[in-house]
Full PDB file with SEQRES, HELIX, SHEET, SSBOND, CRYST1, ORIGX, SCALE, CONECT and MASTER records, all heavy atoms in Angstrom:
SEQRES   1 A   35  PRO PHE LEU GLY GLY GLY ALA ARG LEU ALA ARG TYR LEU          
SEQRES   2 A   35  ARG ASN ASP ASP PRO PHE GLY LEU LEU LYS ARG ALA VAL          
SEQRES   3 A   35  GLU ASP LEU ARG GLY GLY GLY GLN LEU                          
HELIX    1 AA1 GLY A    4  LEU A    9  1                                   6    
HELIX    2 AA2 PRO A   18  ARG A   30  1                                  13    
CRYST1    1.000    1.000    1.000  90.00  90.00  90.00 P 1           1          
ORIGX1      1.000000  0.000000  0.000000        0.00000                         
ORIGX2      0.000000  1.000000  0.000000        0.00000                         
ORIGX3      0.000000  0.000000  1.000000        0.00000                         
SCALE1      1.000000  0.000000  0.000000        0.00000                         
SCALE2      0.000000  1.000000  0.000000        0.00000                         
SCALE3      0.000000  0.000000  1.000000        0.00000                         
ATOM      1  N   PRO A   1      17.614 -72.709  14.164  1.00  0.00           N  
ATOM      2  CA  PRO A   1      18.035 -71.337  13.980  1.00  0.00           C  
ATOM      3  C   PRO A   1      19.459 -71.201  13.380  1.00  0.00           C  
ATOM      4  O   PRO A   1      19.792 -70.127  12.836  1.00  0.00           O  
ATOM      5  CB  PRO A   1      18.021 -70.740  15.421  1.00  0.00           C  
ATOM      6  CG  PRO A   1      18.077 -71.898  16.291  1.00  0.00           C  
ATOM      7  CD  PRO A   1      17.367 -73.018  15.560  1.00  0.00           C  
ATOM      8  N   PHE A   2      20.256 -72.230  13.482  1.00  0.00           N  
ATOM      9  CA  PHE A   2      21.592 -72.182  12.911  1.00  0.00           C  
ATOM     10  C   PHE A   2      21.591 -72.519  11.418  1.00  0.00           C  
ATOM     11  O   PHE A   2      22.570 -72.202  10.716  1.00  0.00           O  
ATOM     12  CB  PHE A   2      22.518 -73.149  13.628  1.00  0.00           C  
ATOM     13  CG  PHE A   2      22.885 -72.770  15.030  1.00  0.00           C  
ATOM     14  CD1 PHE A   2      22.108 -73.121  16.096  1.00  0.00           C  
ATOM     15  CD2 PHE A   2      24.010 -71.965  15.292  1.00  0.00           C  
ATOM     16  CE1 PHE A   2      22.422 -72.748  17.396  1.00  0.00           C  
ATOM     17  CE2 PHE A   2      24.343 -71.566  16.569  1.00  0.00           C  
ATOM     18  CZ  PHE A   2      23.510 -71.983  17.620  1.00  0.00           C  
ATOM     19  N   LEU A   3      20.533 -73.115  10.925  1.00  0.00           N  
ATOM     20  CA  LEU A   3      20.548 -73.595   9.555  1.00  0.00           C  
ATOM     21  C   LEU A   3      19.287 -73.206   8.736  1.00  0.00           C  
ATOM     22  O   LEU A   3      19.359 -73.091   7.520  1.00  0.00           O  
ATOM     23  CB  LEU A   3      20.603 -75.167   9.540  1.00  0.00           C  
ATOM     24  CG  LEU A   3      21.852 -75.765  10.185  1.00  0.00           C  
ATOM     25  CD1 LEU A   3      21.652 -77.310  10.325  1.00  0.00           C  
ATOM     26  CD2 LEU A   3      23.097 -75.476   9.378  1.00  0.00           C  
ATOM     27  N   GLY A   4      18.180 -72.982   9.410  1.00  0.00           N  
ATOM     28  CA  GLY A   4      16.928 -72.855   8.677  1.00  0.00           C  
ATOM     29  C   GLY A   4      16.830 -71.717   7.696  1.00  0.00           C  
ATOM     30  O   GLY A   4      16.413 -71.914   6.547  1.00  0.00           O  
ATOM     31  N   GLY A   5      17.171 -70.503   8.149  1.00  0.00           N  
ATOM     32  CA  GLY A   5      17.036 -69.342   7.227  1.00  0.00           C  
ATOM     33  C   GLY A   5      17.879 -69.496   5.950  1.00  0.00           C  
ATOM     34  O   GLY A   5      17.398 -69.245   4.867  1.00  0.00           O  
ATOM     35  N   GLY A   6      19.141 -69.811   6.110  1.00  0.00           N  
ATOM     36  CA  GLY A   6      20.022 -70.008   4.973  1.00  0.00           C  
ATOM     37  C   GLY A   6      19.581 -71.142   4.077  1.00  0.00           C  
ATOM     38  O   GLY A   6      19.687 -71.011   2.827  1.00  0.00           O  
ATOM     39  N   ALA A   7      19.100 -72.217   4.681  1.00  0.00           N  
ATOM     40  CA  ALA A   7      18.633 -73.349   3.870  1.00  0.00           C  
ATOM     41  C   ALA A   7      17.388 -72.977   3.078  1.00  0.00           C  
ATOM     42  O   ALA A   7      17.269 -73.397   1.886  1.00  0.00           O  
ATOM     43  CB  ALA A   7      18.325 -74.551   4.798  1.00  0.00           C  
ATOM     44  N   ARG A   8      16.514 -72.208   3.628  1.00  0.00           N  
ATOM     45  CA  ARG A   8      15.323 -71.802   2.877  1.00  0.00           C  
ATOM     46  C   ARG A   8      15.669 -70.824   1.754  1.00  0.00           C  
ATOM     47  O   ARG A   8      15.102 -70.921   0.662  1.00  0.00           O  
ATOM     48  CB  ARG A   8      14.269 -71.170   3.836  1.00  0.00           C  
ATOM     49  CG  ARG A   8      13.663 -72.175   4.790  1.00  0.00           C  
ATOM     50  CD  ARG A   8      12.349 -71.638   5.388  1.00  0.00           C  
ATOM     51  NE  ARG A   8      12.556 -70.485   6.260  1.00  0.00           N  
ATOM     52  CZ  ARG A   8      12.849 -70.618   7.554  1.00  0.00           C  
ATOM     53  NH1 ARG A   8      13.009 -71.816   8.092  1.00  0.00           N  
ATOM     54  NH2 ARG A   8      13.020 -69.521   8.292  1.00  0.00           N  
ATOM     55  N   LEU A   9      16.617 -69.910   2.048  1.00  0.00           N  
ATOM     56  CA  LEU A   9      17.039 -69.003   0.985  1.00  0.00           C  
ATOM     57  C   LEU A   9      17.661 -69.759  -0.174  1.00  0.00           C  
ATOM     58  O   LEU A   9      17.468 -69.441  -1.358  1.00  0.00           O  
ATOM     59  CB  LEU A   9      18.019 -67.988   1.552  1.00  0.00           C  
ATOM     60  CG  LEU A   9      18.502 -66.893   0.568  1.00  0.00           C  
ATOM     61  CD1 LEU A   9      17.351 -65.977   0.140  1.00  0.00           C  
ATOM     62  CD2 LEU A   9      19.619 -66.033   1.233  1.00  0.00           C  
ATOM     63  N   ALA A  10      18.480 -70.766   0.111  1.00  0.00           N  
ATOM     64  CA  ALA A  10      19.152 -71.543  -0.908  1.00  0.00           C  
ATOM     65  C   ALA A  10      18.222 -72.570  -1.562  1.00  0.00           C  
ATOM     66  O   ALA A  10      18.617 -73.241  -2.499  1.00  0.00           O  
ATOM     67  CB  ALA A  10      20.340 -72.277  -0.285  1.00  0.00           C  
ATOM     68  N   ARG A  11      17.007 -72.646  -1.074  1.00  0.00           N  
ATOM     69  CA  ARG A  11      15.972 -73.553  -1.573  1.00  0.00           C  
ATOM     70  C   ARG A  11      16.452 -75.034  -1.466  1.00  0.00           C  
ATOM     71  O   ARG A  11      16.259 -75.815  -2.380  1.00  0.00           O  
ATOM     72  CB  ARG A  11      15.623 -73.221  -3.016  1.00  0.00           C  
ATOM     73  CG  ARG A  11      14.393 -72.299  -3.164  1.00  0.00           C  
ATOM     74  CD  ARG A  11      14.675 -70.936  -2.561  1.00  0.00           C  
ATOM     75  NE  ARG A  11      13.485 -70.088  -2.523  1.00  0.00           N  
ATOM     76  CZ  ARG A  11      13.515 -68.767  -2.245  1.00  0.00           C  
ATOM     77  NH1 ARG A  11      14.638 -68.185  -1.948  1.00  0.00           N  
ATOM     78  NH2 ARG A  11      12.397 -68.086  -2.220  1.00  0.00           N  
ATOM     79  N   TYR A  12      17.052 -75.360  -0.291  1.00  0.00           N  
ATOM     80  CA  TYR A  12      17.313 -76.738   0.004  1.00  0.00           C  
ATOM     81  C   TYR A  12      15.999 -77.431   0.207  1.00  0.00           C  
ATOM     82  O   TYR A  12      14.991 -76.822   0.544  1.00  0.00           O  
ATOM     83  CB  TYR A  12      18.183 -76.877   1.249  1.00  0.00           C  
ATOM     84  CG  TYR A  12      19.654 -76.509   1.052  1.00  0.00           C  
ATOM     85  CD1 TYR A  12      20.105 -76.089  -0.189  1.00  0.00           C  
ATOM     86  CD2 TYR A  12      20.549 -76.649   2.090  1.00  0.00           C  
ATOM     87  CE1 TYR A  12      21.447 -75.751  -0.362  1.00  0.00           C  
ATOM     88  CE2 TYR A  12      21.870 -76.346   1.946  1.00  0.00           C  
ATOM     89  CZ  TYR A  12      22.351 -75.879   0.700  1.00  0.00           C  
ATOM     90  OH  TYR A  12      23.669 -75.570   0.564  1.00  0.00           O  
ATOM     91  N   LEU A  13      15.976 -78.765   0.054  1.00  0.00           N  
ATOM     92  CA  LEU A  13      14.700 -79.508   0.094  1.00  0.00           C  
ATOM     93  C   LEU A  13      14.528 -80.191   1.469  1.00  0.00           C  
ATOM     94  O   LEU A  13      15.492 -80.612   2.071  1.00  0.00           O  
ATOM     95  CB  LEU A  13      14.746 -80.588  -1.000  1.00  0.00           C  
ATOM     96  CG  LEU A  13      15.017 -80.097  -2.431  1.00  0.00           C  
ATOM     97  CD1 LEU A  13      15.013 -81.268  -3.357  1.00  0.00           C  
ATOM     98  CD2 LEU A  13      14.029 -79.035  -2.829  1.00  0.00           C  
ATOM     99  N   ARG A  14      13.259 -80.239   1.916  1.00  0.00           N  
ATOM    100  CA  ARG A  14      12.911 -80.924   3.135  1.00  0.00           C  
ATOM    101  C   ARG A  14      12.461 -82.332   2.856  1.00  0.00           C  
ATOM    102  O   ARG A  14      11.871 -82.587   1.844  1.00  0.00           O  
ATOM    103  CB  ARG A  14      11.837 -80.164   3.902  1.00  0.00           C  
ATOM    104  CG  ARG A  14      12.313 -78.814   4.442  1.00  0.00           C  
ATOM    105  CD  ARG A  14      11.189 -77.941   4.933  1.00  0.00           C  
ATOM    106  NE  ARG A  14      10.299 -78.662   5.854  1.00  0.00           N  
ATOM    107  CZ  ARG A  14       9.462 -78.026   6.652  1.00  0.00           C  
ATOM    108  NH1 ARG A  14       9.372 -76.698   6.617  1.00  0.00           N  
ATOM    109  NH2 ARG A  14       8.675 -78.697   7.470  1.00  0.00           N  
ATOM    110  N   ASN A  15      12.755 -83.244   3.799  1.00  0.00           N  
ATOM    111  CA  ASN A  15      12.467 -84.688   3.548  1.00  0.00           C  
ATOM    112  C   ASN A  15      11.125 -85.121   4.068  1.00  0.00           C  
ATOM    113  O   ASN A  15      10.797 -86.286   4.045  1.00  0.00           O  
ATOM    114  CB  ASN A  15      13.541 -85.537   4.190  1.00  0.00           C  
ATOM    115  CG  ASN A  15      13.510 -85.512   5.684  1.00  0.00           C  
ATOM    116  OD1 ASN A  15      12.822 -84.695   6.314  1.00  0.00           O  
ATOM    117  ND2 ASN A  15      14.290 -86.409   6.310  1.00  0.00           N  
ATOM    118  N   ASP A  16      10.260 -84.177   4.506  1.00  0.00           N  
ATOM    119  CA  ASP A  16       8.968 -84.562   5.077  1.00  0.00           C  
ATOM    120  C   ASP A  16       7.834 -84.604   4.053  1.00  0.00           C  
ATOM    121  O   ASP A  16       6.681 -84.932   4.429  1.00  0.00           O  
ATOM    122  CB  ASP A  16       8.561 -83.663   6.214  1.00  0.00           C  
ATOM    123  CG  ASP A  16       8.540 -82.169   5.808  1.00  0.00           C  
ATOM    124  OD1 ASP A  16       8.932 -81.873   4.686  1.00  0.00           O  
ATOM    125  OD2 ASP A  16       8.124 -81.342   6.635  1.00  0.00           O  
ATOM    126  N   ASP A  17       8.143 -84.346   2.788  1.00  0.00           N  
ATOM    127  CA  ASP A  17       7.116 -84.406   1.740  1.00  0.00           C  
ATOM    128  C   ASP A  17       7.753 -85.093   0.499  1.00  0.00           C  
ATOM    129  O   ASP A  17       8.270 -84.429  -0.402  1.00  0.00           O  
ATOM    130  CB  ASP A  17       6.679 -82.936   1.395  1.00  0.00           C  
ATOM    131  CG  ASP A  17       5.681 -82.942   0.263  1.00  0.00           C  
ATOM    132  OD1 ASP A  17       5.152 -83.993  -0.133  1.00  0.00           O  
ATOM    133  OD2 ASP A  17       5.416 -81.817  -0.256  1.00  0.00           O  
ATOM    134  N   PRO A  18       7.735 -86.429   0.460  1.00  0.00           N  
ATOM    135  CA  PRO A  18       8.411 -87.141  -0.636  1.00  0.00           C  
ATOM    136  C   PRO A  18       7.978 -86.725  -2.029  1.00  0.00           C  
ATOM    137  O   PRO A  18       8.833 -86.561  -2.915  1.00  0.00           O  
ATOM    138  CB  PRO A  18       8.066 -88.620  -0.365  1.00  0.00           C  
ATOM    139  CG  PRO A  18       7.718 -88.649   1.105  1.00  0.00           C  
ATOM    140  CD  PRO A  18       7.115 -87.334   1.439  1.00  0.00           C  
ATOM    141  N   PHE A  19       6.671 -86.526  -2.242  1.00  0.00           N  
ATOM    142  CA  PHE A  19       6.242 -86.174  -3.590  1.00  0.00           C  
ATOM    143  C   PHE A  19       6.665 -84.718  -3.945  1.00  0.00           C  
ATOM    144  O   PHE A  19       7.054 -84.477  -5.046  1.00  0.00           O  
ATOM    145  CB  PHE A  19       4.721 -86.329  -3.674  1.00  0.00           C  
ATOM    146  CG  PHE A  19       4.273 -87.759  -3.531  1.00  0.00           C  
ATOM    147  CD1 PHE A  19       3.701 -88.212  -2.352  1.00  0.00           C  
ATOM    148  CD2 PHE A  19       4.458 -88.683  -4.572  1.00  0.00           C  
ATOM    149  CE1 PHE A  19       3.287 -89.525  -2.228  1.00  0.00           C  
ATOM    150  CE2 PHE A  19       4.054 -89.990  -4.422  1.00  0.00           C  
ATOM    151  CZ  PHE A  19       3.486 -90.424  -3.234  1.00  0.00           C  
ATOM    152  N   GLY A  20       6.534 -83.802  -2.962  1.00  0.00           N  
ATOM    153  CA  GLY A  20       7.010 -82.448  -3.245  1.00  0.00           C  
ATOM    154  C   GLY A  20       8.486 -82.388  -3.430  1.00  0.00           C  
ATOM    155  O   GLY A  20       9.016 -81.628  -4.250  1.00  0.00           O  
ATOM    156  N   LEU A  21       9.219 -83.201  -2.662  1.00  0.00           N  
ATOM    157  CA  LEU A  21      10.681 -83.281  -2.785  1.00  0.00           C  
ATOM    158  C   LEU A  21      11.066 -83.718  -4.202  1.00  0.00           C  
ATOM    159  O   LEU A  21      11.958 -83.110  -4.824  1.00  0.00           O  
ATOM    160  CB  LEU A  21      11.259 -84.221  -1.760  1.00  0.00           C  
ATOM    161  CG  LEU A  21      12.804 -84.333  -1.595  1.00  0.00           C  
ATOM    162  CD1 LEU A  21      13.151 -84.860  -0.188  1.00  0.00           C  
ATOM    163  CD2 LEU A  21      13.448 -85.185  -2.640  1.00  0.00           C  
ATOM    164  N   LEU A  22      10.409 -84.791  -4.702  1.00  0.00           N  
ATOM    165  CA  LEU A  22      10.698 -85.266  -6.040  1.00  0.00           C  
ATOM    166  C   LEU A  22      10.424 -84.210  -7.091  1.00  0.00           C  
ATOM    167  O   LEU A  22      11.269 -83.948  -7.970  1.00  0.00           O  
ATOM    168  CB  LEU A  22       9.834 -86.525  -6.333  1.00  0.00           C  
ATOM    169  CG  LEU A  22       9.938 -87.100  -7.738  1.00  0.00           C  
ATOM    170  CD1 LEU A  22      11.324 -87.517  -8.083  1.00  0.00           C  
ATOM    171  CD2 LEU A  22       8.926 -88.258  -7.910  1.00  0.00           C  
ATOM    172  N   LYS A  23       9.300 -83.531  -6.960  1.00  0.00           N  
ATOM    173  CA  LYS A  23       8.928 -82.527  -7.976  1.00  0.00           C  
ATOM    174  C   LYS A  23       9.916 -81.371  -7.947  1.00  0.00           C  
ATOM    175  O   LYS A  23      10.382 -80.948  -9.038  1.00  0.00           O  
ATOM    176  CB  LYS A  23       7.516 -81.992  -7.631  1.00  0.00           C  
ATOM    177  CG  LYS A  23       7.013 -80.915  -8.557  1.00  0.00           C  
ATOM    178  CD  LYS A  23       5.568 -80.532  -8.199  1.00  0.00           C  
ATOM    179  CE  LYS A  23       5.032 -79.468  -9.121  1.00  0.00           C  
ATOM    180  NZ  LYS A  23       5.715 -78.156  -8.973  1.00  0.00           N  
ATOM    181  N   ARG A  24      10.248 -80.865  -6.766  1.00  0.00           N  
ATOM    182  CA  ARG A  24      11.168 -79.714  -6.709  1.00  0.00           C  
ATOM    183  C   ARG A  24      12.574 -80.059  -7.080  1.00  0.00           C  
ATOM    184  O   ARG A  24      13.282 -79.262  -7.713  1.00  0.00           O  
ATOM    185  CB  ARG A  24      11.132 -79.099  -5.290  1.00  0.00           C  
ATOM    186  CG  ARG A  24       9.795 -78.403  -4.974  1.00  0.00           C  
ATOM    187  CD  ARG A  24       9.884 -77.612  -3.669  1.00  0.00           C  
ATOM    188  NE  ARG A  24       9.985 -78.504  -2.532  1.00  0.00           N  
ATOM    189  CZ  ARG A  24       8.947 -79.057  -1.898  1.00  0.00           C  
ATOM    190  NH1 ARG A  24       7.735 -78.816  -2.334  1.00  0.00           N  
ATOM    191  NH2 ARG A  24       9.141 -79.827  -0.855  1.00  0.00           N  
ATOM    192  N   ALA A  25      13.007 -81.277  -6.725  1.00  0.00           N  
ATOM    193  CA  ALA A  25      14.345 -81.754  -7.141  1.00  0.00           C  
ATOM    194  C   ALA A  25      14.482 -81.820  -8.639  1.00  0.00           C  
ATOM    195  O   ALA A  25      15.471 -81.376  -9.234  1.00  0.00           O  
ATOM    196  CB  ALA A  25      14.670 -83.063  -6.475  1.00  0.00           C  
ATOM    197  N   VAL A  26      13.452 -82.376  -9.286  1.00  0.00           N  
ATOM    198  CA  VAL A  26      13.476 -82.517 -10.757  1.00  0.00           C  
ATOM    199  C   VAL A  26      13.495 -81.126 -11.417  1.00  0.00           C  
ATOM    200  O   VAL A  26      14.244 -80.891 -12.366  1.00  0.00           O  
ATOM    201  CB  VAL A  26      12.272 -83.379 -11.216  1.00  0.00           C  
ATOM    202  CG1 VAL A  26      12.101 -83.281 -12.727  1.00  0.00           C  
ATOM    203  CG2 VAL A  26      12.444 -84.823 -10.796  1.00  0.00           C  
ATOM    204  N   GLU A  27      12.672 -80.198 -10.924  1.00  0.00           N  
ATOM    205  CA  GLU A  27      12.644 -78.841 -11.450  1.00  0.00           C  
ATOM    206  C   GLU A  27      14.008 -78.186 -11.346  1.00  0.00           C  
ATOM    207  O   GLU A  27      14.498 -77.522 -12.276  1.00  0.00           O  
ATOM    208  CB  GLU A  27      11.602 -78.013 -10.745  1.00  0.00           C  
ATOM    209  CG  GLU A  27      10.155 -78.406 -11.088  1.00  0.00           C  
ATOM    210  CD  GLU A  27       9.148 -77.658 -10.270  1.00  0.00           C  
ATOM    211  OE1 GLU A  27       9.556 -76.950  -9.278  1.00  0.00           O  
ATOM    212  OE2 GLU A  27       7.939 -77.776 -10.516  1.00  0.00           O  
ATOM    213  N   ASP A  28      14.643 -78.328 -10.180  1.00  0.00           N  
ATOM    214  CA  ASP A  28      15.926 -77.679  -9.952  1.00  0.00           C  
ATOM    215  C   ASP A  28      17.017 -78.273 -10.824  1.00  0.00           C  
ATOM    216  O   ASP A  28      17.848 -77.567 -11.434  1.00  0.00           O  
ATOM    217  CB  ASP A  28      16.320 -77.812  -8.470  1.00  0.00           C  
ATOM    218  CG  ASP A  28      17.259 -76.682  -7.978  1.00  0.00           C  
ATOM    219  OD1 ASP A  28      18.171 -76.355  -8.757  1.00  0.00           O  
ATOM    220  OD2 ASP A  28      17.075 -76.181  -6.886  1.00  0.00           O  
ATOM    221  N   LEU A  29      16.984 -79.595 -10.966  1.00  0.00           N  
ATOM    222  CA  LEU A  29      17.985 -80.278 -11.814  1.00  0.00           C  
ATOM    223  C   LEU A  29      17.820 -79.855 -13.274  1.00  0.00           C  
ATOM    224  O   LEU A  29      18.798 -79.638 -13.986  1.00  0.00           O  
ATOM    225  CB  LEU A  29      17.875 -81.783 -11.651  1.00  0.00           C  
ATOM    226  CG  LEU A  29      18.368 -82.383 -10.337  1.00  0.00           C  
ATOM    227  CD1 LEU A  29      17.885 -83.783 -10.115  1.00  0.00           C  
ATOM    228  CD2 LEU A  29      19.901 -82.325 -10.300  1.00  0.00           C  
ATOM    229  N   ARG A  30      16.589 -79.801 -13.723  1.00  0.00           N  
ATOM    230  CA  ARG A  30      16.353 -79.402 -15.117  1.00  0.00           C  
ATOM    231  C   ARG A  30      16.735 -77.956 -15.362  1.00  0.00           C  
ATOM    232  O   ARG A  30      17.040 -77.544 -16.502  1.00  0.00           O  
ATOM    233  CB  ARG A  30      14.867 -79.617 -15.465  1.00  0.00           C  
ATOM    234  CG  ARG A  30      14.496 -81.069 -15.633  1.00  0.00           C  
ATOM    235  CD  ARG A  30      13.024 -81.230 -15.932  1.00  0.00           C  
ATOM    236  NE  ARG A  30      12.676 -82.653 -16.187  1.00  0.00           N  
ATOM    237  CZ  ARG A  30      11.430 -83.104 -16.271  1.00  0.00           C  
ATOM    238  NH1 ARG A  30      10.405 -82.285 -16.130  1.00  0.00           N  
ATOM    239  NH2 ARG A  30      11.191 -84.392 -16.498  1.00  0.00           N  
ATOM    240  N   GLY A  31      16.772 -77.140 -14.257  1.00  0.00           N  
ATOM    241  CA  GLY A  31      17.204 -75.777 -14.369  1.00  0.00           C  
ATOM    242  C   GLY A  31      18.711 -75.595 -14.235  1.00  0.00           C  
ATOM    243  O   GLY A  31      19.186 -74.460 -14.208  1.00  0.00           O  
ATOM    244  N   GLY A  32      19.440 -76.710 -14.103  1.00  0.00           N  
ATOM    245  CA  GLY A  32      20.904 -76.628 -14.017  1.00  0.00           C  
ATOM    246  C   GLY A  32      21.467 -76.819 -12.659  1.00  0.00           C  
ATOM    247  O   GLY A  32      22.699 -76.692 -12.456  1.00  0.00           O  
ATOM    248  N   GLY A  33      20.676 -77.141 -11.635  1.00  0.00           N  
ATOM    249  CA  GLY A  33      21.167 -77.347 -10.250  1.00  0.00           C  
ATOM    250  C   GLY A  33      21.896 -78.692 -10.158  1.00  0.00           C  
ATOM    251  O   GLY A  33      21.780 -79.559 -11.004  1.00  0.00           O  
ATOM    252  N   GLN A  34      22.618 -78.820  -9.054  1.00  0.00           N  
ATOM    253  CA  GLN A  34      23.316 -80.058  -8.728  1.00  0.00           C  
ATOM    254  C   GLN A  34      22.801 -80.536  -7.350  1.00  0.00           C  
ATOM    255  O   GLN A  34      22.981 -79.858  -6.333  1.00  0.00           O  
ATOM    256  CB  GLN A  34      24.838 -79.819  -8.634  1.00  0.00           C  
ATOM    257  CG  GLN A  34      25.450 -79.367  -9.956  1.00  0.00           C  
ATOM    258  CD  GLN A  34      26.928 -79.031  -9.816  1.00  0.00           C  
ATOM    259  OE1 GLN A  34      27.377 -78.685  -8.751  1.00  0.00           O  
ATOM    260  NE2 GLN A  34      27.681 -79.172 -10.890  1.00  0.00           N  
ATOM    261  N   LEU A  35      22.243 -81.728  -7.336  1.00  0.00           N  
ATOM    262  CA  LEU A  35      21.705 -82.279  -6.073  1.00  0.00           C  
ATOM    263  C   LEU A  35      22.740 -83.136  -5.429  1.00  0.00           C  
ATOM    264  O   LEU A  35      23.251 -84.126  -6.014  1.00  0.00           O  
ATOM    265  CB  LEU A  35      20.443 -83.118  -6.386  1.00  0.00           C  
ATOM    266  CG  LEU A  35      19.812 -83.878  -5.218  1.00  0.00           C  
ATOM    267  CD1 LEU A  35      19.435 -82.924  -4.118  1.00  0.00           C  
ATOM    268  CD2 LEU A  35      18.622 -84.709  -5.699  1.00  0.00           C  
TER     269      LEU A  35                                                      
MASTER        0    0    0    2    0    0    0    6  268    1    0    3          
END                                                                             
């Protein structure tokens, strides 16, 4: 409750889905994000 809502709004990545994490990280980086 101290972190979840803000993290989801900021679209931080969760580590429980390695393939989804890779896909979303690549999309965000190609869009100008900094990981």
